[in-house]
Amino acid sequence: MEKPIIATTLSGLFIKKEPWEKAHILWYNEREMELKEKGKDISAIIEWRNLLQKDPDEEKKRYFDFVDKVMKELYPYLSEEERTKKARESFFDATLKYIKQNPNVLNKGVIRYFKSIKDKINLALITTNIQSALEKILKASRLEKLFDLIETSTPEEKDIKEIAFDRFIKKYDKPLIYIGSDKKDSFVYCNKNNIPCIFANFENKEEIIGVESAHNLKELKEKLSKLI
């Protein structure tokens, strides 16, 4: 009998969200310095920063709009795909650097648990990290052998999880369940496509209406024990 697929996220489950959140802020700060050095308009940075302070949830939905504006100001001669690729590569470089400098961001208990049930499941990772960056992140975190199936974004794609989900399902079919962090669009996709899901809310984020939460590893184990 074929083993069921349990699909997961990386950020917020196996690794704390901190490296991505810190890299997110760092990316904008570094681009602001670039803009100033080149004597270019920094209004998109100011607009982004104001939104972040005023409405962090809305900023999560719209942050790539500001990335587009910033990159267009910095690199008007590049195509949109080239600008997106360049922006995402610099973001993931910052993420990787943070993980290497702060190994405590690994959720070691979660990693041990999923290693212990690997004989019962196919463990999948669906992520908007790009392949080249993900390989470096997994190597730095010593997670290269953890996942049986991996679906990433391409460098030219924006941070849209639904695209990676679509590719994954075409290749492997729907997972038994998806375990995500606080990225609401992932759960919207799962609900639309009748994929059971769990919000791994290990960092006390705001609850997501209509999505079952696990607030710690014990709760997650209890929920998964009913399925495998």
N, C-alpha and C. Protein backbone atom coordinates (compact mmCIF):
# COMPACT_ATOMS: atom_id res chain seq x y z
N MET A 1 0.84 -1.20 0.00
CA MET A 1 0.00 0.00 0.00
C MET A 1 0.88 1.25 0.00
N GLU A 2 0.54 2.20 -0.88
CA GLU A 2 1.34 3.42 -0.97
C GLU A 2 1.16 4.29 0.27
N LYS A 3 2.27 4.84 0.73
CA LYS A 3 2.22 5.67 1.94
C LYS A 3 1.52 6.99 1.66
N PRO A 4 0.72 7.50 2.61
CA PRO A 4 0.03 8.78 2.40
C PRO A 4 1.03 9.94 2.40
N ILE A 5 0.65 11.00 1.71
CA ILE A 5 1.48 12.20 1.65
C ILE A 5 1.02 13.19 2.71
N ILE A 6 1.93 13.61 3.56
CA ILE A 6 1.67 14.74 4.45
C ILE A 6 2.50 15.90 3.93
N ALA A 7 1.82 16.95 3.49
CA ALA A 7 2.49 18.13 2.94
C ALA A 7 2.68 19.17 4.03
N THR A 8 3.79 19.87 3.96
CA THR A 8 4.14 20.82 5.02
C THR A 8 4.76 22.08 4.44
N THR A 9 4.85 23.06 5.31
CA THR A 9 5.62 24.26 5.05
C THR A 9 6.97 24.11 5.74
N LEU A 10 7.89 25.01 5.49
CA LEU A 10 9.18 25.00 6.17
C LEU A 10 9.20 26.04 7.29
N SER A 11 8.88 27.27 6.90
CA SER A 11 8.89 28.38 7.85
C SER A 11 7.72 28.28 8.81
N GLY A 12 8.01 28.32 10.11
CA GLY A 12 6.97 28.26 11.12
C GLY A 12 6.71 26.86 11.63
N LEU A 13 7.27 25.85 10.96
CA LEU A 13 7.09 24.47 11.40
C LEU A 13 8.44 23.84 11.75
N PHE A 14 9.26 23.58 10.75
CA PHE A 14 10.58 22.98 11.00
C PHE A 14 11.60 24.04 11.41
N ILE A 15 11.42 25.23 10.90
CA ILE A 15 12.29 26.37 11.24
C ILE A 15 11.38 27.52 11.65
N LYS A 16 11.75 28.21 12.70
CA LYS A 16 10.94 29.35 13.15
C LYS A 16 10.83 30.38 12.03
N LYS A 17 9.81 31.21 12.10
CA LYS A 17 9.57 32.21 11.06
C LYS A 17 10.60 33.35 11.09
N GLU A 18 11.30 33.44 12.20
CA GLU A 18 12.23 34.54 12.44
C GLU A 18 13.20 34.84 11.29
N PRO A 19 13.88 33.84 10.69
CA PRO A 19 14.83 34.17 9.61
C PRO A 19 14.18 34.87 8.43
N TRP A 20 12.98 34.44 8.05
CA TRP A 20 12.28 35.06 6.92
C TRP A 20 11.78 36.46 7.29
N GLU A 21 11.29 36.60 8.51
CA GLU A 21 10.81 37.91 8.94
C GLU A 21 11.95 38.92 9.04
N LYS A 22 13.07 38.48 9.59
CA LYS A 22 14.23 39.37 9.70
C LYS A 22 14.78 39.72 8.32
N ALA A 23 14.82 38.73 7.43
CA ALA A 23 15.33 38.97 6.07
C ALA A 23 14.42 39.92 5.31
N HIS A 24 13.13 39.81 5.58
CA HIS A 24 12.13 40.66 4.95
C HIS A 24 12.41 42.14 5.26
N ILE A 25 12.65 42.44 6.53
CA ILE A 25 12.96 43.83 6.95
C ILE A 25 14.32 44.25 6.40
N LEU A 26 15.29 43.34 6.52
CA LEU A 26 16.64 43.64 6.06
C LEU A 26 16.66 43.96 4.57
N TRP A 27 15.86 43.22 3.79
CA TRP A 27 15.83 43.44 2.34
C TRP A 27 15.44 44.88 2.03
N TYR A 28 14.38 45.36 2.66
CA TYR A 28 13.91 46.73 2.41
C TYR A 28 14.93 47.76 2.89
N ASN A 29 15.55 47.50 4.03
CA ASN A 29 16.55 48.45 4.55
C ASN A 29 17.75 48.56 3.60
N GLU A 30 18.18 47.42 3.08
CA GLU A 30 19.32 47.43 2.15
C GLU A 30 18.96 48.11 0.83
N ARG A 31 17.73 47.86 0.35
CA ARG A 31 17.32 48.50 -0.91
C ARG A 31 17.17 50.01 -0.72
N GLU A 32 16.76 50.43 0.48
CA GLU A 32 16.66 51.87 0.75
C GLU A 32 18.04 52.53 0.65
N MET A 33 19.04 51.87 1.20
CA MET A 33 20.41 52.39 1.10
C MET A 33 20.85 52.48 -0.36
N GLU A 34 20.53 51.45 -1.14
CA GLU A 34 20.87 51.45 -2.57
C GLU A 34 20.22 52.62 -3.29
N LEU A 35 18.94 52.81 -3.02
CA LEU A 35 18.20 53.90 -3.66
C LEU A 35 18.81 55.25 -3.32
N LYS A 36 19.14 55.44 -2.06
CA LYS A 36 19.71 56.71 -1.62
C LYS A 36 21.08 56.94 -2.26
N GLU A 37 21.89 55.86 -2.32
CA GLU A 37 23.22 55.98 -2.93
C GLU A 37 23.14 56.38 -4.41
N LYS A 38 22.09 55.92 -5.07
CA LYS A 38 21.92 56.21 -6.49
C LYS A 38 21.07 57.46 -6.74
N GLY A 39 20.67 58.12 -5.64
CA GLY A 39 19.86 59.33 -5.77
C GLY A 39 18.48 59.08 -6.33
N LYS A 40 17.92 57.93 -6.04
CA LYS A 40 16.62 57.56 -6.59
C LYS A 40 15.50 57.72 -5.57
N ASP A 41 14.29 57.62 -6.03
CA ASP A 41 13.08 57.84 -5.23
C ASP A 41 12.89 56.72 -4.20
N ILE A 42 12.71 57.09 -2.93
CA ILE A 42 12.50 56.08 -1.88
C ILE A 42 11.05 56.07 -1.39
N SER A 43 10.14 56.66 -2.15
CA SER A 43 8.75 56.77 -1.68
C SER A 43 8.10 55.40 -1.49
N ALA A 44 8.47 54.41 -2.30
CA ALA A 44 7.89 53.07 -2.16
C ALA A 44 8.30 52.44 -0.83
N ILE A 45 9.53 52.71 -0.40
CA ILE A 45 10.01 52.20 0.90
C ILE A 45 9.22 52.85 2.03
N ILE A 46 9.04 54.15 1.93
CA ILE A 46 8.29 54.89 2.96
C ILE A 46 6.85 54.38 3.02
N GLU A 47 6.26 54.18 1.86
CA GLU A 47 4.88 53.68 1.79
C GLU A 47 4.78 52.30 2.41
N TRP A 48 5.74 51.41 2.09
CA TRP A 48 5.78 50.06 2.66
C TRP A 48 5.92 50.11 4.18
N ARG A 49 6.85 50.94 4.66
CA ARG A 49 7.11 51.02 6.11
C ARG A 49 5.87 51.53 6.86
N ASN A 50 5.18 52.50 6.28
CA ASN A 50 3.96 53.02 6.91
C ASN A 50 2.88 51.94 7.00
N LEU A 51 2.74 51.16 5.93
CA LEU A 51 1.75 50.08 5.94
C LEU A 51 2.11 49.01 6.96
N LEU A 52 3.39 48.68 7.05
CA LEU A 52 3.85 47.67 8.02
C LEU A 52 3.50 48.08 9.44
N GLN A 53 3.68 49.35 9.75
CA GLN A 53 3.37 49.84 11.09
C GLN A 53 1.87 49.93 11.34
N LYS A 54 1.13 50.31 10.31
CA LYS A 54 -0.30 50.54 10.46
C LYS A 54 -1.11 49.24 10.41
N ASP A 55 -0.76 48.34 9.48
CA ASP A 55 -1.57 47.14 9.26
C ASP A 55 -0.67 45.99 8.79
N PRO A 56 0.00 45.29 9.73
CA PRO A 56 0.92 44.21 9.36
C PRO A 56 0.28 43.11 8.52
N ASP A 57 -0.99 42.80 8.78
CA ASP A 57 -1.66 41.75 8.00
C ASP A 57 -1.82 42.16 6.54
N GLU A 58 -2.19 43.41 6.33
CA GLU A 58 -2.33 43.90 4.96
C GLU A 58 -0.97 43.96 4.27
N GLU A 59 0.06 44.29 5.04
CA GLU A 59 1.41 44.33 4.47
C GLU A 59 1.84 42.96 3.98
N LYS A 60 1.45 41.90 4.70
CA LYS A 60 1.78 40.54 4.27
C LYS A 60 1.16 40.23 2.92
N LYS A 61 -0.03 40.74 2.68
CA LYS A 61 -0.71 40.49 1.42
C LYS A 61 -0.10 41.30 0.27
N ARG A 62 0.41 42.51 0.60
CA ARG A 62 0.78 43.45 -0.45
C ARG A 62 2.28 43.71 -0.59
N TYR A 63 3.10 43.03 0.22
CA TYR A 63 4.50 43.46 0.28
C TYR A 63 5.20 43.34 -1.07
N PHE A 64 4.78 42.36 -1.91
CA PHE A 64 5.48 42.23 -3.18
C PHE A 64 5.12 43.37 -4.14
N ASP A 65 4.00 44.04 -3.90
CA ASP A 65 3.68 45.24 -4.69
C ASP A 65 4.78 46.28 -4.52
N PHE A 66 5.25 46.41 -3.28
CA PHE A 66 6.30 47.39 -2.99
C PHE A 66 7.66 46.91 -3.49
N VAL A 67 7.88 45.60 -3.43
CA VAL A 67 9.10 45.02 -4.01
C VAL A 67 9.17 45.40 -5.49
N ASP A 68 8.05 45.23 -6.19
CA ASP A 68 8.01 45.58 -7.62
C ASP A 68 8.38 47.04 -7.85
N LYS A 69 7.80 47.92 -7.03
CA LYS A 69 8.06 49.36 -7.19
C LYS A 69 9.53 49.68 -6.94
N VAL A 70 10.08 49.09 -5.89
CA VAL A 70 11.48 49.34 -5.53
C VAL A 70 12.41 48.83 -6.63
N MET A 71 12.17 47.61 -7.10
CA MET A 71 13.05 47.02 -8.11
C MET A 71 12.94 47.76 -9.44
N LYS A 72 11.75 48.25 -9.75
CA LYS A 72 11.59 49.01 -10.99
C LYS A 72 12.36 50.32 -10.91
N GLU A 73 12.38 50.92 -9.73
CA GLU A 73 13.12 52.17 -9.54
C GLU A 73 14.63 51.91 -9.63
N LEU A 74 15.08 50.78 -9.07
CA LEU A 74 16.50 50.46 -9.07
C LEU A 74 16.99 49.95 -10.42
N TYR A 75 16.16 49.13 -11.07
CA TYR A 75 16.59 48.45 -12.31
C TYR A 75 15.54 48.61 -13.41
N PRO A 76 15.34 49.82 -13.89
CA PRO A 76 14.30 50.06 -14.91
C PRO A 76 14.59 49.36 -16.24
N TYR A 77 15.86 49.00 -16.48
CA TYR A 77 16.25 48.38 -17.74
C TYR A 77 16.04 46.87 -17.75
N LEU A 78 15.75 46.27 -16.60
CA LEU A 78 15.51 44.84 -16.54
C LEU A 78 14.03 44.54 -16.80
N SER A 79 13.76 43.31 -17.25
CA SER A 79 12.37 42.89 -17.43
C SER A 79 11.77 42.60 -16.05
N GLU A 80 10.44 42.50 -15.99
CA GLU A 80 9.79 42.21 -14.72
C GLU A 80 10.26 40.87 -14.15
N GLU A 81 10.42 39.87 -15.00
CA GLU A 81 10.89 38.56 -14.54
C GLU A 81 12.30 38.65 -13.98
N GLU A 82 13.15 39.41 -14.66
CA GLU A 82 14.54 39.56 -14.20
C GLU A 82 14.59 40.30 -12.86
N ARG A 83 13.74 41.32 -12.71
CA ARG A 83 13.71 42.05 -11.44
C ARG A 83 13.21 41.16 -10.30
N THR A 84 12.18 40.36 -10.58
CA THR A 84 11.65 39.45 -9.56
C THR A 84 12.71 38.45 -9.14
N LYS A 85 13.39 37.89 -10.11
CA LYS A 85 14.45 36.91 -9.82
C LYS A 85 15.53 37.53 -8.95
N LYS A 86 15.97 38.73 -9.31
CA LYS A 86 17.03 39.41 -8.56
C LYS A 86 16.58 39.73 -7.13
N ALA A 87 15.34 40.16 -6.98
CA ALA A 87 14.82 40.49 -5.65
C ALA A 87 14.74 39.25 -4.77
N ARG A 88 14.24 38.17 -5.32
CA ARG A 88 14.06 36.95 -4.52
C ARG A 88 15.40 36.34 -4.14
N GLU A 89 16.37 36.37 -5.04
CA GLU A 89 17.69 35.81 -4.73
C GLU A 89 18.36 36.57 -3.58
N SER A 90 18.24 37.90 -3.60
CA SER A 90 18.85 38.70 -2.52
C SER A 90 18.13 38.47 -1.20
N PHE A 91 16.81 38.26 -1.25
CA PHE A 91 16.04 37.97 -0.04
C PHE A 91 16.47 36.64 0.57
N PHE A 92 16.60 35.60 -0.26
CA PHE A 92 16.96 34.28 0.26
C PHE A 92 18.40 34.24 0.76
N ASP A 93 19.27 35.05 0.19
CA ASP A 93 20.64 35.15 0.70
C ASP A 93 20.62 35.64 2.15
N ALA A 94 19.78 36.62 2.42
CA ALA A 94 19.67 37.17 3.78
C ALA A 94 19.06 36.14 4.73
N THR A 95 18.08 35.37 4.25
CA THR A 95 17.46 34.32 5.07
C THR A 95 18.49 33.27 5.45
N LEU A 96 19.23 32.81 4.48
CA LEU A 96 20.25 31.78 4.71
C LEU A 96 21.31 32.25 5.70
N LYS A 97 21.75 33.47 5.53
CA LYS A 97 22.76 34.03 6.44
C LYS A 97 22.25 34.03 7.87
N TYR A 98 21.00 34.39 8.07
CA TYR A 98 20.43 34.44 9.42
C TYR A 98 20.36 33.04 10.03
N ILE A 99 19.96 32.06 9.25
CA ILE A 99 19.87 30.68 9.77
C ILE A 99 21.24 30.17 10.19
N LYS A 100 22.25 30.43 9.37
CA LYS A 100 23.61 29.99 9.70
C LYS A 100 24.12 30.63 10.98
N GLN A 101 23.77 31.89 11.20
CA GLN A 101 24.24 32.60 12.39
C GLN A 101 23.42 32.30 13.64
N ASN A 102 22.21 31.73 13.43
CA ASN A 102 21.31 31.49 14.57
C ASN A 102 20.71 30.08 14.49
N PRO A 103 21.51 29.04 14.75
CA PRO A 103 21.02 27.66 14.62
C PRO A 103 19.88 27.32 15.57
N ASN A 104 19.66 28.16 16.58
CA ASN A 104 18.56 27.92 17.53
C ASN A 104 17.18 28.13 16.90
N VAL A 105 17.13 28.62 15.66
CA VAL A 105 15.84 28.82 15.00
C VAL A 105 15.24 27.50 14.52
N LEU A 106 15.99 26.42 14.57
CA LEU A 106 15.46 25.11 14.18
C LEU A 106 14.52 24.59 15.26
N ASN A 107 13.37 24.07 14.86
CA ASN A 107 12.45 23.42 15.80
C ASN A 107 12.82 21.94 15.88
N LYS A 108 13.81 21.65 16.73
CA LYS A 108 14.41 20.31 16.74
C LYS A 108 13.43 19.22 17.15
N GLY A 109 12.51 19.53 18.05
CA GLY A 109 11.52 18.54 18.45
C GLY A 109 10.62 18.14 17.29
N VAL A 110 10.23 19.11 16.50
CA VAL A 110 9.39 18.86 15.32
C VAL A 110 10.16 18.01 14.31
N ILE A 111 11.41 18.35 14.11
CA ILE A 111 12.25 17.59 13.16
C ILE A 111 12.38 16.14 13.60
N ARG A 112 12.65 15.93 14.88
CA ARG A 112 12.78 14.55 15.41
C ARG A 112 11.49 13.77 15.22
N TYR A 113 10.36 14.43 15.50
CA TYR A 113 9.07 13.74 15.38
C TYR A 113 8.82 13.27 13.95
N PHE A 114 9.01 14.16 12.98
CA PHE A 114 8.73 13.76 11.60
C PHE A 114 9.73 12.71 11.10
N LYS A 115 10.95 12.75 11.59
CA LYS A 115 11.90 11.68 11.26
C LYS A 115 11.39 10.35 11.79
N SER A 116 10.76 10.38 12.95
CA SER A 116 10.31 9.14 13.60
C SER A 116 9.11 8.50 12.89
N ILE A 117 8.37 9.25 12.07
CA ILE A 117 7.19 8.69 11.38
C ILE A 117 7.42 8.55 9.88
N LYS A 118 8.66 8.71 9.45
CA LYS A 118 8.96 8.65 8.02
C LYS A 118 8.64 7.30 7.39
N ASP A 119 8.66 6.24 8.18
CA ASP A 119 8.35 4.92 7.63
C ASP A 119 6.87 4.76 7.32
N LYS A 120 6.04 5.68 7.85
CA LYS A 120 4.58 5.60 7.66
C LYS A 120 4.05 6.55 6.60
N ILE A 121 4.83 7.57 6.24
CA ILE A 121 4.34 8.64 5.36
C ILE A 121 5.37 9.01 4.30
N ASN A 122 4.90 9.68 3.28
CA ASN A 122 5.77 10.44 2.37
C ASN A 122 5.68 11.89 2.82
N LEU A 123 6.78 12.43 3.31
CA LEU A 123 6.79 13.80 3.82
C LEU A 123 7.11 14.76 2.69
N ALA A 124 6.19 15.68 2.45
CA ALA A 124 6.34 16.63 1.34
C ALA A 124 6.54 18.04 1.85
N LEU A 125 7.29 18.81 1.09
CA LEU A 125 7.50 20.23 1.38
C LEU A 125 7.01 21.03 0.18
N ILE A 126 6.06 21.93 0.42
CA ILE A 126 5.59 22.85 -0.62
C ILE A 126 5.97 24.25 -0.18
N THR A 127 6.80 24.91 -0.94
CA THR A 127 7.38 26.16 -0.48
C THR A 127 7.54 27.17 -1.61
N THR A 128 7.52 28.44 -1.25
CA THR A 128 7.80 29.48 -2.23
C THR A 128 9.29 29.86 -2.24
N ASN A 129 10.10 29.16 -1.45
CA ASN A 129 11.55 29.30 -1.61
C ASN A 129 11.91 28.80 -3.01
N ILE A 130 12.93 29.39 -3.61
CA ILE A 130 13.39 28.89 -4.91
C ILE A 130 14.35 27.72 -4.67
N GLN A 131 14.49 26.86 -5.68
CA GLN A 131 15.23 25.60 -5.51
C GLN A 131 16.66 25.82 -5.03
N SER A 132 17.38 26.73 -5.67
CA SER A 132 18.79 26.93 -5.31
C SER A 132 18.93 27.41 -3.88
N ALA A 133 18.03 28.31 -3.45
CA ALA A 133 18.07 28.81 -2.07
C ALA A 133 17.66 27.73 -1.10
N LEU A 134 16.62 26.96 -1.45
CA LEU A 134 16.14 25.91 -0.55
C LEU A 134 17.22 24.87 -0.29
N GLU A 135 17.95 24.48 -1.33
CA GLU A 135 19.02 23.50 -1.15
C GLU A 135 20.05 23.98 -0.12
N LYS A 136 20.36 25.26 -0.17
CA LYS A 136 21.33 25.84 0.78
C LYS A 136 20.74 25.89 2.18
N ILE A 137 19.46 26.25 2.28
CA ILE A 137 18.80 26.32 3.59
C ILE A 137 18.72 24.94 4.23
N LEU A 138 18.33 23.93 3.44
CA LEU A 138 18.23 22.57 3.97
C LEU A 138 19.60 22.04 4.39
N LYS A 139 20.62 22.35 3.60
CA LYS A 139 21.97 21.91 3.95
C LYS A 139 22.45 22.58 5.24
N ALA A 140 22.22 23.88 5.36
CA ALA A 140 22.65 24.61 6.56
C ALA A 140 21.90 24.12 7.79
N SER A 141 20.66 23.64 7.59
CA SER A 141 19.83 23.17 8.69
C SER A 141 19.95 21.66 8.91
N ARG A 142 20.73 20.99 8.06
CA ARG A 142 20.89 19.53 8.09
C ARG A 142 19.56 18.81 7.90
N LEU A 143 18.79 19.31 6.96
CA LEU A 143 17.48 18.73 6.67
C LEU A 143 17.42 18.17 5.24
N GLU A 144 18.58 17.95 4.62
CA GLU A 144 18.60 17.53 3.22
C GLU A 144 17.86 16.23 2.97
N LYS A 145 17.86 15.34 3.96
CA LYS A 145 17.26 14.01 3.76
C LYS A 145 15.88 13.87 4.40
N LEU A 146 15.33 14.96 4.89
CA LEU A 146 14.07 14.87 5.62
C LEU A 146 12.87 14.66 4.70
N PHE A 147 12.85 15.34 3.55
CA PHE A 147 11.66 15.35 2.71
C PHE A 147 11.75 14.35 1.56
N ASP A 148 10.62 13.68 1.32
CA ASP A 148 10.54 12.73 0.21
C ASP A 148 10.14 13.42 -1.08
N LEU A 149 9.33 14.47 -0.97
CA LEU A 149 8.82 15.20 -2.13
C LEU A 149 8.97 16.69 -1.86
N ILE A 150 9.43 17.43 -2.86
CA ILE A 150 9.62 18.88 -2.69
C ILE A 150 9.11 19.62 -3.91
N GLU A 151 8.35 20.68 -3.65
CA GLU A 151 7.92 21.57 -4.73
C GLU A 151 8.28 23.00 -4.34
N THR A 152 9.02 23.68 -5.20
CA THR A 152 9.48 25.05 -4.93
C THR A 152 8.89 26.02 -5.95
N SER A 153 9.16 27.29 -5.73
CA SER A 153 8.86 28.31 -6.74
C SER A 153 10.04 28.41 -7.70
N THR A 154 9.80 28.97 -8.87
CA THR A 154 10.90 29.29 -9.77
C THR A 154 11.35 30.72 -9.48
N PRO A 155 12.58 31.07 -9.83
CA PRO A 155 13.08 32.42 -9.51
C PRO A 155 12.25 33.55 -10.10
N GLU A 156 11.59 33.27 -11.25
CA GLU A 156 10.83 34.32 -11.92
C GLU A 156 9.44 34.53 -11.32
N GLU A 157 8.98 33.56 -10.52
CA GLU A 157 7.65 33.65 -9.92
C GLU A 157 7.68 34.53 -8.68
N LYS A 158 6.56 35.15 -8.40
CA LYS A 158 6.45 35.93 -7.18
C LYS A 158 6.06 34.99 -6.04
N ASP A 159 5.95 35.53 -4.86
CA ASP A 159 5.74 34.72 -3.66
C ASP A 159 4.27 34.26 -3.58
N ILE A 160 3.90 33.35 -4.48
CA ILE A 160 2.51 32.90 -4.57
C ILE A 160 2.47 31.39 -4.36
N LYS A 161 1.98 30.96 -3.20
CA LYS A 161 2.01 29.54 -2.83
C LYS A 161 1.09 28.69 -3.72
N GLU A 162 -0.01 29.28 -4.21
CA GLU A 162 -0.96 28.51 -5.01
C GLU A 162 -0.31 27.90 -6.26
N ILE A 163 0.64 28.60 -6.84
CA ILE A 163 1.30 28.10 -8.05
C ILE A 163 2.09 26.84 -7.72
N ALA A 164 2.81 26.87 -6.60
CA ALA A 164 3.57 25.69 -6.17
C ALA A 164 2.63 24.54 -5.82
N PHE A 165 1.52 24.85 -5.17
CA PHE A 165 0.51 23.83 -4.84
C PHE A 165 -0.01 23.16 -6.12
N ASP A 166 -0.37 23.96 -7.11
CA ASP A 166 -0.91 23.41 -8.35
C ASP A 166 0.08 22.44 -8.99
N ARG A 167 1.34 22.83 -9.05
CA ARG A 167 2.36 21.96 -9.65
C ARG A 167 2.49 20.66 -8.87
N PHE A 168 2.48 20.80 -7.53
CA PHE A 168 2.63 19.62 -6.68
C PHE A 168 1.51 18.62 -6.93
N ILE A 169 0.28 19.10 -6.96
CA ILE A 169 -0.87 18.21 -7.11
C ILE A 169 -0.87 17.53 -8.48
N LYS A 170 -0.45 18.26 -9.52
CA LYS A 170 -0.37 17.65 -10.85
C LYS A 170 0.64 16.51 -10.88
N LYS A 171 1.71 16.66 -10.10
CA LYS A 171 2.75 15.63 -10.08
C LYS A 171 2.40 14.45 -9.17
N TYR A 172 1.86 14.76 -7.98
CA TYR A 172 1.76 13.74 -6.94
C TYR A 172 0.34 13.48 -6.43
N ASP A 173 -0.64 14.25 -6.86
CA ASP A 173 -2.02 14.19 -6.36
C ASP A 173 -2.13 14.96 -5.04
N LYS A 174 -3.33 15.03 -4.50
CA LYS A 174 -3.58 15.77 -3.27
C LYS A 174 -2.95 15.06 -2.07
N PRO A 175 -2.40 15.82 -1.13
CA PRO A 175 -1.88 15.20 0.09
C PRO A 175 -3.01 14.80 1.03
N LEU A 176 -2.71 13.90 1.95
CA LEU A 176 -3.68 13.52 2.98
C LEU A 176 -4.06 14.73 3.82
N ILE A 177 -3.07 15.58 4.10
CA ILE A 177 -3.28 16.79 4.90
C ILE A 177 -2.13 17.76 4.63
N TYR A 178 -2.39 19.03 4.83
CA TYR A 178 -1.35 20.06 4.71
C TYR A 178 -1.17 20.73 6.06
N ILE A 179 0.08 20.88 6.49
CA ILE A 179 0.40 21.56 7.74
C ILE A 179 1.14 22.85 7.38
N GLY A 180 0.51 23.98 7.68
CA GLY A 180 1.09 25.26 7.30
C GLY A 180 1.31 26.17 8.48
N SER A 181 1.88 27.34 8.20
CA SER A 181 2.06 28.35 9.25
C SER A 181 1.00 29.42 9.04
N ASP A 182 1.32 30.69 9.21
CA ASP A 182 0.27 31.71 9.20
C ASP A 182 0.04 32.35 7.84
N LYS A 183 0.41 31.67 6.78
CA LYS A 183 0.19 32.18 5.43
C LYS A 183 -1.22 31.79 5.00
N LYS A 184 -2.14 32.74 5.10
CA LYS A 184 -3.56 32.43 4.92
C LYS A 184 -3.88 31.92 3.52
N ASP A 185 -3.17 32.39 2.51
CA ASP A 185 -3.51 31.96 1.15
C ASP A 185 -3.34 30.46 0.95
N SER A 186 -2.43 29.85 1.73
CA SER A 186 -2.26 28.39 1.65
C SER A 186 -3.52 27.68 2.11
N PHE A 187 -4.12 28.18 3.19
CA PHE A 187 -5.33 27.55 3.72
C PHE A 187 -6.54 27.83 2.84
N VAL A 188 -6.58 29.01 2.23
CA VAL A 188 -7.65 29.31 1.28
C VAL A 188 -7.60 28.32 0.12
N TYR A 189 -6.38 28.06 -0.36
CA TYR A 189 -6.20 27.09 -1.45
C TYR A 189 -6.66 25.71 -1.02
N CYS A 190 -6.26 25.29 0.17
CA CYS A 190 -6.64 23.96 0.66
C CYS A 190 -8.15 23.83 0.78
N ASN A 191 -8.80 24.85 1.31
CA ASN A 191 -10.25 24.80 1.47
C ASN A 191 -10.96 24.72 0.12
N LYS A 192 -10.46 25.48 -0.85
CA LYS A 192 -11.06 25.46 -2.19
C LYS A 192 -10.89 24.10 -2.86
N ASN A 193 -9.82 23.41 -2.52
CA ASN A 193 -9.49 22.14 -3.18
C ASN A 193 -9.73 20.92 -2.29
N ASN A 194 -10.49 21.14 -1.21
CA ASN A 194 -10.88 20.04 -0.31
C ASN A 194 -9.68 19.25 0.22
N ILE A 195 -8.66 19.99 0.64
CA ILE A 195 -7.49 19.38 1.27
C ILE A 195 -7.54 19.70 2.76
N PRO A 196 -7.64 18.71 3.63
CA PRO A 196 -7.62 18.97 5.08
C PRO A 196 -6.34 19.70 5.46
N CYS A 197 -6.41 20.57 6.44
CA CYS A 197 -5.23 21.35 6.80
C CYS A 197 -5.20 21.66 8.30
N ILE A 198 -4.00 21.91 8.78
CA ILE A 198 -3.75 22.28 10.18
C ILE A 198 -2.83 23.50 10.18
N PHE A 199 -3.18 24.47 10.99
CA PHE A 199 -2.32 25.64 11.20
C PHE A 199 -1.40 25.34 12.38
N ALA A 200 -0.10 25.18 12.09
CA ALA A 200 0.89 24.96 13.14
C ALA A 200 1.20 26.31 13.78
N ASN A 201 0.39 26.69 14.73
CA ASN A 201 0.51 28.01 15.35
C ASN A 201 1.41 27.92 16.58
N PHE A 202 2.67 27.61 16.36
CA PHE A 202 3.63 27.42 17.45
C PHE A 202 4.16 28.74 18.00
N GLU A 203 3.87 29.85 17.30
CA GLU A 203 4.43 31.14 17.69
C GLU A 203 3.36 32.13 18.13
N ASN A 204 2.20 31.59 18.51
CA ASN A 204 1.10 32.40 19.06
C ASN A 204 0.67 33.54 18.14
N LYS A 205 0.53 33.21 16.86
CA LYS A 205 0.00 34.17 15.90
C LYS A 205 -1.52 34.23 16.04
N GLU A 206 -2.12 35.19 15.37
CA GLU A 206 -3.58 35.28 15.38
C GLU A 206 -4.18 34.04 14.73
N GLU A 207 -5.23 33.51 15.35
CA GLU A 207 -5.87 32.32 14.80
C GLU A 207 -6.48 32.63 13.43
N ILE A 208 -6.57 31.61 12.60
CA ILE A 208 -7.16 31.75 11.27
C ILE A 208 -8.55 31.12 11.29
N ILE A 209 -9.55 31.92 11.05
CA ILE A 209 -10.94 31.47 11.13
C ILE A 209 -11.18 30.32 10.15
N GLY A 210 -11.77 29.25 10.66
CA GLY A 210 -12.11 28.12 9.82
C GLY A 210 -11.00 27.11 9.63
N VAL A 211 -9.85 27.34 10.28
CA VAL A 211 -8.72 26.42 10.16
C VAL A 211 -8.36 25.88 11.54
N GLU A 212 -8.25 24.57 11.64
CA GLU A 212 -7.90 23.92 12.90
C GLU A 212 -6.44 24.22 13.24
N SER A 213 -6.16 24.54 14.50
CA SER A 213 -4.80 24.90 14.92
C SER A 213 -4.19 23.84 15.83
N ALA A 214 -2.88 23.74 15.77
CA ALA A 214 -2.09 23.00 16.75
C ALA A 214 -1.11 24.01 17.33
N HIS A 215 -1.15 24.20 18.65
CA HIS A 215 -0.37 25.26 19.28
C HIS A 215 0.99 24.80 19.77
N ASN A 216 1.23 23.51 19.70
CA ASN A 216 2.52 22.96 20.11
C ASN A 216 2.66 21.58 19.49
N LEU A 217 3.83 20.99 19.67
CA LEU A 217 4.11 19.69 19.05
C LEU A 217 3.19 18.60 19.59
N LYS A 218 2.87 18.64 20.87
CA LYS A 218 1.99 17.62 21.45
C LYS A 218 0.64 17.62 20.76
N GLU A 219 0.07 18.80 20.57
CA GLU A 219 -1.24 18.91 19.90
C GLU A 219 -1.15 18.42 18.45
N LEU A 220 -0.05 18.75 17.79
CA LEU A 220 0.11 18.32 16.40
C LEU A 220 0.20 16.79 16.33
N LYS A 221 0.95 16.19 17.22
CA LYS A 221 1.06 14.73 17.26
C LYS A 221 -0.31 14.08 17.45
N GLU A 222 -1.09 14.64 18.37
CA GLU A 222 -2.42 14.09 18.65
C GLU A 222 -3.31 14.13 17.42
N LYS A 223 -3.25 15.23 16.68
CA LYS A 223 -4.09 15.37 15.49
C LYS A 223 -3.64 14.42 14.39
N LEU A 224 -2.33 14.28 14.22
CA LEU A 224 -1.82 13.40 13.15
C LEU A 224 -1.98 11.92 13.50
N SER A 225 -2.01 11.60 14.79
CA SER A 225 -2.15 10.19 15.21
C SER A 225 -3.50 9.62 14.78
N LYS A 226 -4.46 10.48 14.53
CA LYS A 226 -5.79 10.03 14.09
C LYS A 226 -5.79 9.69 12.58
N LEU A 227 -4.71 10.09 11.89
CA LEU A 227 -4.67 9.91 10.44
C LEU A 227 -3.68 8.84 10.00
N ILE A 228 -2.63 8.63 10.79
CA ILE A 228 -1.57 7.69 10.36
C ILE A 228 -1.34 6.59 11.39
